[in-house]
C-alpha atoms as a PDB file:
ATOM      1  CA  MET A   1       7.645 -12.759 -30.783  1.00  0.00           C
ATOM      2  CA  ASN A   2       6.055 -11.217 -33.863  1.00  0.00           C
ATOM      3  CA  ALA A   3       4.324  -7.837 -33.869  1.00  0.00           C
ATOM      4  CA  ARG A   4       0.824  -9.314 -34.208  1.00  0.00           C
ATOM      5  CA  TRP A   5       1.121 -11.261 -30.957  1.00  0.00           C
ATOM      6  CA  GLU A   6       2.690  -8.285 -29.227  1.00  0.00           C
ATOM      7  CA  PHE A   7      -0.299  -6.137 -30.209  1.00  0.00           C
ATOM      8  CA  ARG A   8      -2.670  -8.785 -28.848  1.00  0.00           C
ATOM      9  CA  LEU A   9      -0.825  -8.966 -25.545  1.00  0.00           C
ATOM     10  CA  LEU A  10      -0.723  -5.180 -25.316  1.00  0.00           C
ATOM     11  CA  ARG A  11      -4.485  -4.938 -25.830  1.00  0.00           C
ATOM     12  CA  LEU A  12      -5.160  -7.619 -23.221  1.00  0.00           C
ATOM     13  CA  TRP A  13      -2.861  -5.823 -20.797  1.00  0.00           C
ATOM     14  CA  HIS A  14      -4.657  -2.513 -21.384  1.00  0.00           C
ATOM     15  CA  ALA A  15      -7.975  -4.221 -20.651  1.00  0.00           C
ATOM     16  CA  ALA A  16      -6.623  -5.773 -17.441  1.00  0.00           C
ATOM     17  CA  LEU A  17      -5.136  -2.494 -16.208  1.00  0.00           C
ATOM     18  CA  ALA A  18      -8.178  -0.400 -17.132  1.00  0.00           C
ATOM     19  CA  GLY A  19     -10.557  -2.875 -15.500  1.00  0.00           C
ATOM     20  CA  GLY A  20      -8.512  -3.037 -12.312  1.00  0.00           C
ATOM     21  CA  PHE A  21      -8.220   0.742 -12.079  1.00  0.00           C
ATOM     22  CA  LEU A  22     -11.959   1.222 -12.656  1.00  0.00           C
ATOM     23  CA  VAL A  23     -12.866  -1.283  -9.936  1.00  0.00           C
ATOM     24  CA  ALA A  24     -10.352   0.248  -7.517  1.00  0.00           C
ATOM     25  CA  TYR A  25     -11.670   3.757  -8.184  1.00  0.00           C
ATOM     26  CA  VAL A  26     -15.364   2.973  -7.646  1.00  0.00           C
ATOM     27  CA  THR A  27     -14.856   0.749  -4.572  1.00  0.00           C
ATOM     28  CA  ALA A  28     -12.818   3.215  -2.473  1.00  0.00           C
ATOM     29  CA  ASP A  29     -15.092   3.017   0.563  1.00  0.00           C
ATOM     30  CA  GLU A  30     -15.228   0.993   3.760  1.00  0.00           C
ATOM     31  CA  ASP A  31     -18.198  -1.078   2.596  1.00  0.00           C
ATOM     32  CA  THR A  32     -16.307  -2.348  -0.471  1.00  0.00           C
ATOM     33  CA  TYR A  33     -12.813  -2.128   0.957  1.00  0.00           C
ATOM     34  CA  ALA A  34     -11.881  -5.779   0.355  1.00  0.00           C
ATOM     35  CA  MET A  35     -12.644  -5.414  -3.350  1.00  0.00           C
ATOM     36  CA  HIS A  36     -10.757  -2.100  -3.411  1.00  0.00           C
ATOM     37  CA  VAL A  37      -7.660  -3.750  -1.922  1.00  0.00           C
ATOM     38  CA  PHE A  38      -7.833  -6.635  -4.390  1.00  0.00           C
ATOM     39  CA  ALA A  39      -8.177  -4.236  -7.327  1.00  0.00           C
ATOM     40  CA  GLY A  40      -5.258  -2.166  -6.031  1.00  0.00           C
ATOM     41  CA  TYR A  41      -2.984  -5.192  -5.932  1.00  0.00           C
ATOM     42  CA  TRP A  42      -4.275  -6.119  -9.393  1.00  0.00           C
ATOM     43  CA  VAL A  43      -3.222  -2.716 -10.773  1.00  0.00           C
ATOM     44  CA  VAL A  44       0.250  -2.915  -9.234  1.00  0.00           C
ATOM     45  CA  GLY A  45       0.609  -6.473 -10.529  1.00  0.00           C
ATOM     46  CA  ALA A  46      -0.488  -5.405 -14.010  1.00  0.00           C
ATOM     47  CA  ILE A  47       2.167  -2.689 -14.080  1.00  0.00           C
ATOM     48  CA  LEU A  48       4.860  -5.160 -13.021  1.00  0.00           C
ATOM     49  CA  LEU A  49       3.605  -7.480 -15.758  1.00  0.00           C
ATOM     50  CA  ARG A  50       3.949  -4.630 -18.263  1.00  0.00           C
ATOM     51  CA  LEU A  51       7.615  -4.274 -17.370  1.00  0.00           C
ATOM     52  CA  ALA A  52       8.089  -8.023 -17.814  1.00  0.00           C
ATOM     53  CA  LEU A  53       6.379  -7.939 -21.211  1.00  0.00           C
ATOM     54  CA  ALA A  54       8.707  -5.141 -22.291  1.00  0.00           C
ATOM     55  CA  MET A  55      11.670  -7.385 -21.537  1.00  0.00           C
ATOM     56  CA  ILE A  56      10.386 -10.346 -23.553  1.00  0.00           C
ATOM     57  CA  GLY A  57       9.141  -8.284 -26.492  1.00  0.00           C
ATOM     58  CA  SER A  58      11.242  -7.009 -29.363  1.00  0.00           C
ATOM     59  CA  ALA A  59      13.189  -3.779 -28.924  1.00  0.00           C
ATOM     60  CA  THR A  60      11.152  -1.990 -31.592  1.00  0.00           C
ATOM     61  CA  GLY A  61       7.820  -3.795 -31.196  1.00  0.00           C
ATOM     62  CA  PRO A  62       4.545  -2.694 -29.572  1.00  0.00           C
ATOM     63  CA  LEU A  63       5.575  -4.057 -26.156  1.00  0.00           C
ATOM     64  CA  ALA A  64       8.753  -1.997 -25.970  1.00  0.00           C
ATOM     65  CA  ILE A  65       8.802   0.853 -23.446  1.00  0.00           C
ATOM     66  CA  HIS A  66      10.654   3.686 -25.113  1.00  0.00           C
ATOM     67  CA  LYS A  67      12.606   6.370 -23.325  1.00  0.00           C
ATOM     68  CA  PRO A  68      10.657   9.653 -23.444  1.00  0.00           C
ATOM     69  CA  ARG A  69      12.075  12.234 -25.821  1.00  0.00           C
ATOM     70  CA  LEU A  70      11.029  15.567 -27.248  1.00  0.00           C
ATOM     71  CA  ALA A  71      11.976  15.037 -30.877  1.00  0.00           C
ATOM     72  CA  TRP A  72       9.132  14.359 -33.293  1.00  0.00           C
ATOM     73  CA  ALA A  73      10.800  11.856 -35.600  1.00  0.00           C
ATOM     74  CA  LYS A  74       9.238  10.931 -38.939  1.00  0.00           C
ATOM     75  CA  PRO A  75       8.914   8.126 -39.669  1.00  0.00           C
ATOM     76  CA  GLY A  76       8.895   6.823 -36.118  1.00  0.00           C
ATOM     77  CA  ARG A  77       6.933   6.443 -32.939  1.00  0.00           C
ATOM     78  CA  ASN A  78       5.079   9.497 -31.728  1.00  0.00           C
ATOM     79  CA  PRO A  79       6.945  10.804 -28.634  1.00  0.00           C
ATOM     80  CA  LEU A  80       3.652  11.264 -26.781  1.00  0.00           C
ATOM     81  CA  PHE A  81       3.369   7.477 -26.489  1.00  0.00           C
ATOM     82  CA  ALA A  82       6.527   7.270 -24.398  1.00  0.00           C
ATOM     83  CA  TRP A  83       5.678  10.298 -22.257  1.00  0.00           C
ATOM     84  CA  MET A  84       2.164   9.124 -21.468  1.00  0.00           C
ATOM     85  CA  ALA A  85       3.359   5.576 -20.759  1.00  0.00           C
ATOM     86  CA  ALA A  86       6.006   6.850 -18.342  1.00  0.00           C
ATOM     87  CA  VAL A  87       3.660   9.241 -16.522  1.00  0.00           C
ATOM     88  CA  LEU A  88       0.837   6.704 -16.273  1.00  0.00           C
ATOM     89  CA  LEU A  89       3.008   3.811 -15.127  1.00  0.00           C
ATOM     90  CA  VAL A  90       4.780   5.880 -12.483  1.00  0.00           C
ATOM     91  CA  GLY A  91       1.592   7.613 -11.303  1.00  0.00           C
ATOM     92  CA  MET A  92      -0.441   4.423 -11.015  1.00  0.00           C
ATOM     93  CA  VAL A  93       2.253   2.375  -9.336  1.00  0.00           C
ATOM     94  CA  VAL A  94       2.888   5.111  -6.745  1.00  0.00           C
ATOM     95  CA  ALA A  95      -0.874   5.409  -6.157  1.00  0.00           C
ATOM     96  CA  GLY A  96      -1.080   1.647  -5.674  1.00  0.00           C
ATOM     97  CA  VAL A  97       1.947   1.395  -3.405  1.00  0.00           C
ATOM     98  CA  THR A  98       0.818   4.301  -1.195  1.00  0.00           C
ATOM     99  CA  GLY A  99      -2.602   2.662  -0.920  1.00  0.00           C
ATOM    100  CA  ILE A 100      -1.025  -0.603   0.203  1.00  0.00           C
ATOM    101  CA  ALA A 101       1.227   1.227   2.648  1.00  0.00           C
ATOM    102  CA  ALA A 102      -1.616   3.398   4.006  1.00  0.00           C
ATOM    103  CA  ASP A 103      -2.938   0.548   6.154  1.00  0.00           C
ATOM    104  CA  ALA A 104       0.313   0.602   8.123  1.00  0.00           C
ATOM    105  CA  LEU A 105       0.989   4.337   7.668  1.00  0.00           C
ATOM    106  CA  PRO A 106      -2.400   6.139   7.712  1.00  0.00           C
ATOM    107  CA  ALA A 107      -0.702   9.475   7.016  1.00  0.00           C
ATOM    108  CA  LEU A 108      -0.282   8.287   3.406  1.00  0.00           C
ATOM    109  CA  GLU A 109      -4.046   8.049   2.867  1.00  0.00           C
ATOM    110  CA  ASP A 110      -4.429  11.623   1.580  1.00  0.00           C
ATOM    111  CA  LEU A 111      -1.494  11.174  -0.796  1.00  0.00           C
ATOM    112  CA  HIS A 112      -3.000   7.917  -2.060  1.00  0.00           C
ATOM    113  CA  GLU A 113      -6.401   9.512  -2.686  1.00  0.00           C
ATOM    114  CA  GLY A 114      -4.837  12.505  -4.420  1.00  0.00           C
ATOM    115  CA  LEU A 115      -2.738  10.310  -6.697  1.00  0.00           C
ATOM    116  CA  ALA A 116      -5.778   8.179  -7.528  1.00  0.00           C
ATOM    117  CA  GLU A 117      -7.745  11.276  -8.555  1.00  0.00           C
ATOM    118  CA  ALA A 118      -4.794  12.536 -10.595  1.00  0.00           C
ATOM    119  CA  SER A 119      -4.465   9.120 -12.259  1.00  0.00           C
ATOM    120  CA  LEU A 120      -8.066   9.333 -13.432  1.00  0.00           C
ATOM    121  CA  TRP A 121      -7.317  12.607 -15.210  1.00  0.00           C
ATOM    122  CA  LEU A 122      -4.159  11.113 -16.698  1.00  0.00           C
ATOM    123  CA  VAL A 123      -6.110   8.124 -18.012  1.00  0.00           C
ATOM    124  CA  LEU A 124      -8.638  10.438 -19.665  1.00  0.00           C
ATOM    125  CA  ALA A 125      -5.817  12.535 -21.123  1.00  0.00           C
ATOM    126  CA  HIS A 126      -4.123   9.372 -22.384  1.00  0.00           C
ATOM    127  CA  ALA A 127      -7.320   8.269 -24.136  1.00  0.00           C
ATOM    128  CA  ALA A 128      -7.700  11.708 -25.714  1.00  0.00           C
ATOM    129  CA  ILE A 129      -4.104  11.702 -26.974  1.00  0.00           C
ATOM    130  CA  ILE A 130      -4.449   8.217 -28.457  1.00  0.00           C
ATOM    131  CA  ALA A 131      -7.639   9.289 -30.242  1.00  0.00           C
ATOM    132  CA  TRP A 132      -5.799  12.339 -31.552  1.00  0.00           C
ATOM    133  CA  ILE A 133      -2.769  10.381 -32.785  1.00  0.00           C
ATOM    134  CA  PHE A 134      -4.849   7.926 -34.783  1.00  0.00           C
ATOM    135  CA  GLN A 135      -6.943  10.533 -36.578  1.00  0.00           C
ATOM    136  CA  GLY A 136      -6.292  11.534 -40.170  1.00  0.00           C
ATOM    137  CA  ARG A 137      -3.459  13.882 -41.043  1.00  0.00           C
ATOM    138  CA  ARG A 138      -5.743  16.872 -41.524  1.00  0.00           C
ATOM    139  CA  VAL A 139      -7.361  16.503 -38.114  1.00  0.00           C
ATOM    140  CA  ARG A 140      -3.970  15.920 -36.512  1.00  0.00           C
ATOM    141  CA  GLU A 141      -2.586  19.091 -38.039  1.00  0.00           C
ATOM    142  CA  LEU A 142      -5.587  21.056 -36.807  1.00  0.00           C
ATOM    143  CA  LEU A 143      -5.184  19.717 -33.293  1.00  0.00           C
ATOM    144  CA  LYS A 144      -1.398  19.819 -33.086  1.00  0.00           C
ATOM    145  CA  GLY A 145      -1.519  23.353 -31.749  1.00  0.00           C
ATOM    146  CA  SER A 146      -3.723  22.207 -28.857  1.00  0.00           C
ATOM    147  CA  ALA A 147      -1.043  19.884 -27.427  1.00  0.00           C
ATOM    148  CA  ALA A 148       0.316  22.663 -25.212  1.00  0.00           C
ATOM    149  CA  ALA A 149      -3.193  23.470 -23.987  1.00  0.00           C
ATOM    150  CA  LEU A 150      -3.769  19.801 -23.129  1.00  0.00           C
ATOM    151  CA  LEU A 151      -0.544  19.744 -21.126  1.00  0.00           C
ATOM    152  CA  VAL A 152      -1.665  22.840 -19.208  1.00  0.00           C
ATOM    153  CA  ILE A 153      -5.004  21.182 -18.395  1.00  0.00           C
ATOM    154  CA  ILE A 154      -3.219  18.099 -17.034  1.00  0.00           C
ATOM    155  CA  LEU A 155      -0.848  20.198 -14.930  1.00  0.00           C
ATOM    156  CA  LEU A 156      -3.770  22.152 -13.492  1.00  0.00           C
ATOM    157  CA  ALA A 157      -5.836  19.042 -12.811  1.00  0.00           C
ATOM    158  CA  VAL A 158      -3.157  17.247 -10.782  1.00  0.00           C
ATOM    159  CA  PRO A 159      -2.764  19.845  -7.998  1.00  0.00           C
ATOM    160  CA  ALA A 160      -6.529  20.363  -7.982  1.00  0.00           C
ATOM    161  CA  ALA A 161      -6.907  16.750  -6.882  1.00  0.00           C
ATOM    162  CA  PHE A 162      -4.996  17.561  -3.687  1.00  0.00           C
ATOM    163  CA  ALA A 163      -6.779  20.813  -2.861  1.00  0.00           C
ATOM    164  CA  ALA A 164      -8.970  20.775   0.247  1.00  0.00           C
ATOM    165  CA  ASP A 165     -12.202  22.730   0.172  1.00  0.00           C
ATOM    166  CA  ALA A 166     -12.561  24.475   3.523  1.00  0.00           C
ATOM    167  CA  ALA A 167     -16.370  24.530   3.508  1.00  0.00           C
ATOM    168  CA  ARG A 168     -17.438  23.462   7.001  1.00  0.00           C
ATOM    169  CA  ASP A 169     -19.198  26.754   7.665  1.00  0.00           C
ATOM    170  CA  VAL A 170     -21.139  26.441   4.419  1.00  0.00           C
ATOM    171  CA  ILE A 171     -22.129  22.867   5.247  1.00  0.00           C
ATOM    172  CA  LYS A 172     -23.260  23.832   8.750  1.00  0.00           C
ATOM    173  CA  ALA A 173     -25.208  26.792   7.374  1.00  0.00           C
ATOM    174  CA  GLY A 174     -27.045  24.386   5.087  1.00  0.00           C
ATOM    175  CA  TYR A 175     -27.967  22.160   8.025  1.00  0.00           C
ATOM    176  CA  ALA A 176     -29.091  25.228   9.978  1.00  0.00           C
ATOM    177  CA  ARG A 177     -31.499  26.144   7.172  1.00  0.00           C
ATOM    178  CA  GLN A 178     -32.819  22.583   7.079  1.00  0.00           C
ATOM    179  CA  ALA A 179     -33.356  22.566  10.856  1.00  0.00           C
ATOM    180  CA  GLY A 180     -36.349  24.871  10.575  1.00  0.00           C
ATOM    181  CA  PRO A 181     -37.596  28.041  12.277  1.00  0.00           C
ATOM    182  CA  GLY A 182     -37.135  26.728  15.833  1.00  0.00           C
ATOM    183  CA  PHE A 183     -33.397  26.233  15.351  1.00  0.00           C
ATOM    184  CA  SER A 184     -31.319  27.954  18.061  1.00  0.00           C
ATOM    185  CA  GLY A 185     -27.795  26.885  17.161  1.00  0.00           C
ATOM    186  CA  PHE A 186     -25.659  23.785  17.129  1.00  0.00           C
ATOM    187  CA  SER A 187     -24.345  22.261  20.333  1.00  0.00           C
ATOM    188  CA  ALA A 188     -20.979  20.558  20.700  1.00  0.00           C
ATOM    189  CA  GLU A 189     -22.268  18.925  23.890  1.00  0.00           C
ATOM    190  CA  ARG A 190     -25.199  17.353  22.046  1.00  0.00           C
ATOM    191  CA  GLY A 191     -22.738  16.266  19.370  1.00  0.00           C
ATOM    192  CA  ARG A 192     -20.589  14.564  22.003  1.00  0.00           C
ATOM    193  CA  ALA A 193     -23.638  12.749  23.382  1.00  0.00           C
ATOM    194  CA  LEU A 194     -24.516  11.550  19.879  1.00  0.00           C
ATOM    195  CA  PHE A 195     -20.945  10.389  19.258  1.00  0.00           C
ATOM    196  CA  GLU A 196     -20.797   8.419  22.522  1.00  0.00           C
ATOM    197  CA  SER A 197     -24.381   7.099  22.535  1.00  0.00           C
ATOM    198  CA  LYS A 198     -24.940   3.341  22.631  1.00  0.00           C
ATOM    199  CA  ASN A 199     -27.471   1.874  20.225  1.00  0.00           C
ATOM    200  CA  THR A 200     -28.985  -1.474  19.349  1.00  0.00           C
ATOM    201  CA  ALA A 201     -29.520  -0.980  15.617  1.00  0.00           C
ATOM    202  CA  SER A 202     -26.473  -3.087  14.788  1.00  0.00           C
ATOM    203  CA  PRO A 203     -24.521  -5.349  17.160  1.00  0.00           C
ATOM    204  CA  ASP A 204     -21.355  -4.754  15.134  1.00  0.00           C
ATOM    205  CA  TYR A 205     -21.590  -0.944  15.318  1.00  0.00           C
ATOM    206  CA  ALA A 206     -23.063  -0.127  18.723  1.00  0.00           C
ATOM    207  CA  SER A 207     -21.621   3.382  18.729  1.00  0.00           C
ATOM    208  CA  CYS A 208     -19.555   5.818  16.684  1.00  0.00           C
ATOM    209  CA  THR A 209     -16.769   5.003  19.129  1.00  0.00           C
ATOM    210  CA  THR A 210     -16.748   1.398  17.882  1.00  0.00           C
ATOM    211  CA  CYS A 211     -14.695   2.486  14.881  1.00  0.00           C
ATOM    212  CA  HIS A 212     -13.462   5.938  15.905  1.00  0.00           C
ATOM    213  CA  THR A 213     -12.520   5.079  19.543  1.00  0.00           C
ATOM    214  CA  SER A 214     -13.621   7.268  22.450  1.00  0.00           C
ATOM    215  CA  ASP A 215     -11.014   9.870  21.468  1.00  0.00           C
ATOM    216  CA  PRO A 216     -11.862  11.355  18.043  1.00  0.00           C
ATOM    217  CA  THR A 217      -8.395  12.911  17.784  1.00  0.00           C
ATOM    218  CA  ARG A 218      -6.857   9.455  17.434  1.00  0.00           C
ATOM    219  CA  TYR A 219      -6.800   7.072  14.496  1.00  0.00           C
ATOM    220  CA  GLY A 220      -9.615   4.549  14.525  1.00  0.00           C
ATOM    221  CA  GLN A 221     -10.135   1.153  12.949  1.00  0.00           C
ATOM    222  CA  HIS A 222     -13.107  -0.053  10.937  1.00  0.00           C
ATOM    223  CA  ALA A 223     -14.862  -2.773  12.931  1.00  0.00           C
ATOM    224  CA  LYS A 224     -15.596  -4.895   9.858  1.00  0.00           C
ATOM    225  CA  THR A 225     -12.598  -4.487   7.559  1.00  0.00           C
ATOM    226  CA  GLY A 226      -9.894  -3.612  10.082  1.00  0.00           C
ATOM    227  CA  ARG A 227      -8.897  -0.663   7.934  1.00  0.00           C
ATOM    228  CA  SER A 228      -7.267   2.282   9.674  1.00  0.00           C
ATOM    229  CA  ILE A 229      -9.506   5.376   9.829  1.00  0.00           C
ATOM    230  CA  GLN A 230      -8.094   8.874  10.060  1.00  0.00           C
ATOM    231  CA  PRO A 231      -9.079  10.986  13.087  1.00  0.00           C
ATOM    232  CA  VAL A 232     -12.554  12.451  12.872  1.00  0.00           C
ATOM    233  CA  ALA A 233     -11.690  15.497  15.001  1.00  0.00           C
ATOM    234  CA  VAL A 234     -10.943  18.622  12.982  1.00  0.00           C
ATOM    235  CA  SER A 235      -7.869  19.510  15.059  1.00  0.00           C
ATOM    236  CA  ALA A 236      -6.221  16.230  14.082  1.00  0.00           C
ATOM    237  CA  ASN A 237      -7.602  16.085  10.540  1.00  0.00           C
ATOM    238  CA  PRO A 238      -8.386  19.553   9.096  1.00  0.00           C
ATOM    239  CA  LYS A 239      -9.895  18.078   5.925  1.00  0.00           C
ATOM    240  CA  ARG A 240     -12.784  16.531   7.820  1.00  0.00           C
ATOM    241  CA  PHE A 241     -16.239  17.887   6.918  1.00  0.00           C
ATOM    242  CA  THR A 242     -15.030  19.995   3.984  1.00  0.00           C
ATOM    243  CA  ASP A 243     -16.624  18.085   1.092  1.00  0.00           C
ATOM    244  CA  ALA A 244     -20.403  18.520   1.231  1.00  0.00           C
ATOM    245  CA  ALA A 245     -21.193  15.476  -0.910  1.00  0.00           C
ATOM    246  CA  LYS A 246     -18.952  13.167   1.114  1.00  0.00           C
ATOM    247  CA  VAL A 247     -20.224  14.547   4.419  1.00  0.00           C
ATOM    248  CA  GLU A 248     -23.825  13.857   3.450  1.00  0.00           C
ATOM    249  CA  GLU A 249     -22.952  10.437   2.055  1.00  0.00           C
ATOM    250  CA  ARG A 250     -21.230   9.427   5.290  1.00  0.00           C
ATOM    251  CA  PHE A 251     -24.067  10.721   7.464  1.00  0.00           C
ATOM    252  CA  ASP A 252     -26.644   8.874   5.339  1.00  0.00           C
ATOM    253  CA  ARG A 253     -24.720   5.620   5.623  1.00  0.00           C
ATOM    254  CA  ASP A 254     -23.382   5.800   9.173  1.00  0.00           C
ATOM    255  CA  CYS A 255     -26.559   7.079  10.830  1.00  0.00           C
ATOM    256  CA  GLN A 256     -28.478   4.152   9.378  1.00  0.00           C
ATOM    257  CA  THR A 257     -25.719   1.736  10.402  1.00  0.00           C
ATOM    258  CA  VAL A 258     -25.277   2.956  13.982  1.00  0.00           C
ATOM    259  CA  LEU A 259     -28.669   4.464  14.866  1.00  0.00           C
ATOM    260  CA  GLY A 260     -30.925   2.516  12.535  1.00  0.00           C
ATOM    261  CA  ARG A 261     -32.410   5.771  11.247  1.00  0.00           C
ATOM    262  CA  ALA A 262     -31.509   8.969   9.427  1.00  0.00           C
ATOM    263  CA  CYS A 263     -29.899  11.777  11.411  1.00  0.00           C
ATOM    264  CA  SER A 264     -31.680  15.102  11.599  1.00  0.00           C
ATOM    265  CA  ALA A 265     -30.064  18.260  10.251  1.00  0.00           C
ATOM    266  CA  THR A 266     -29.558  19.457  13.831  1.00  0.00           C
ATOM    267  CA  GLU A 267     -27.819  16.218  14.815  1.00  0.00           C
ATOM    268  CA  LYS A 268     -25.485  16.493  11.829  1.00  0.00           C
ATOM    269  CA  GLY A 269     -24.570  20.060  12.738  1.00  0.00           C
ATOM    270  CA  ASP A 270     -24.123  19.116  16.404  1.00  0.00           C
ATOM    271  CA  TYR A 271     -21.799  16.289  15.415  1.00  0.00           C
ATOM    272  CA  ILE A 272     -19.649  18.602  13.283  1.00  0.00           C
ATOM    273  CA  ALA A 273     -19.627  21.217  16.055  1.00  0.00           C
ATOM    274  CA  TYR A 274     -18.334  18.630  18.514  1.00  0.00           C
ATOM    275  CA  MET A 275     -15.595  17.519  16.142  1.00  0.00           C
ATOM    276  CA  GLU A 276     -14.612  21.154  15.601  1.00  0.00           C
ATOM    277  CA  SER A 277     -14.258  21.571  19.364  1.00  0.00           C
ATOM    278  CA  LYS A 278     -11.860  18.633  19.715  1.00  0.00           C
END
C-alpha cells in the first residue's frame, strides 16, 4: 500500500474515532444511554481497527505504530507522535472496556467516568501537539521549551478528573437560601416521604424507588434502559450530591419525570438530608 492511500485511511480513521468519542462523551446520561453504549463500542472497534491497519500498512508508512522513544532523531518521525498514539490508544480502550464492563460490575463506573474525562484532556493535548509539530521551524523552536510545561499540565489534569468535590454542605446551604425566610431546616423524614411517594405523572416512573429500589444503599436499575445505577445513599456512595451542576441537572430532570413538576428548594434539601442519613 502506497503512502498516499495510507494517509487517506489514517484521516478516515481519525474522523471515525473522533466522531465516536464525541458522541460517547456528550451522551453519557440515562436518557441517551443506548446511543452512549453504541458510541462506546464504536470507539473500541475503531481502536482495534487501528491495530489491524498497522499490520497491513508498511513498516515506515503513516499507518505504522512506532514504539515510543525519547530520542529526537533528524531526519525522522517526531517521537511525540508515538508517545501520544500510545497514551491515547491505551487510555481510550481502557475507558471503553471499563464502560462496557460497568453494566456487570457497577463499581467500575467511577473509573470509567474518570478515564473518559482524562481522555478528553489527552485528545485536546494531542491536537495541540500536532498543531505545534506542523508549524514552521521558528515557531517550533519558540515552543520547544514549553513541551515540559505541556506534560505537567496533562499530568495534573488526569488526577483532577478523579477528584471528588465534597460540597454537599455548600449545595444544601444554597437550597436553604432559596427556601426563603420561613425556612426552618431540612428534614430527613420529609426526604424519605418524597423518595417513597407514589405519583401518576409517568406510569414508567411512579416513584424514585422504581429505579433506586426501596433501599437507597443498594444498586438500582434504570427502568427504561436497564442500566445499573449506583446507590443514591451517601453512606454507600460518598460522591453523591457533591457536584452542584450535576445535582441540579438531576433534580430538574427527575422531578419532572417522577412528579410532573419542579421540586422546591426545600424538597431538594430534604432529599439530600435523607440520603445523608442512610
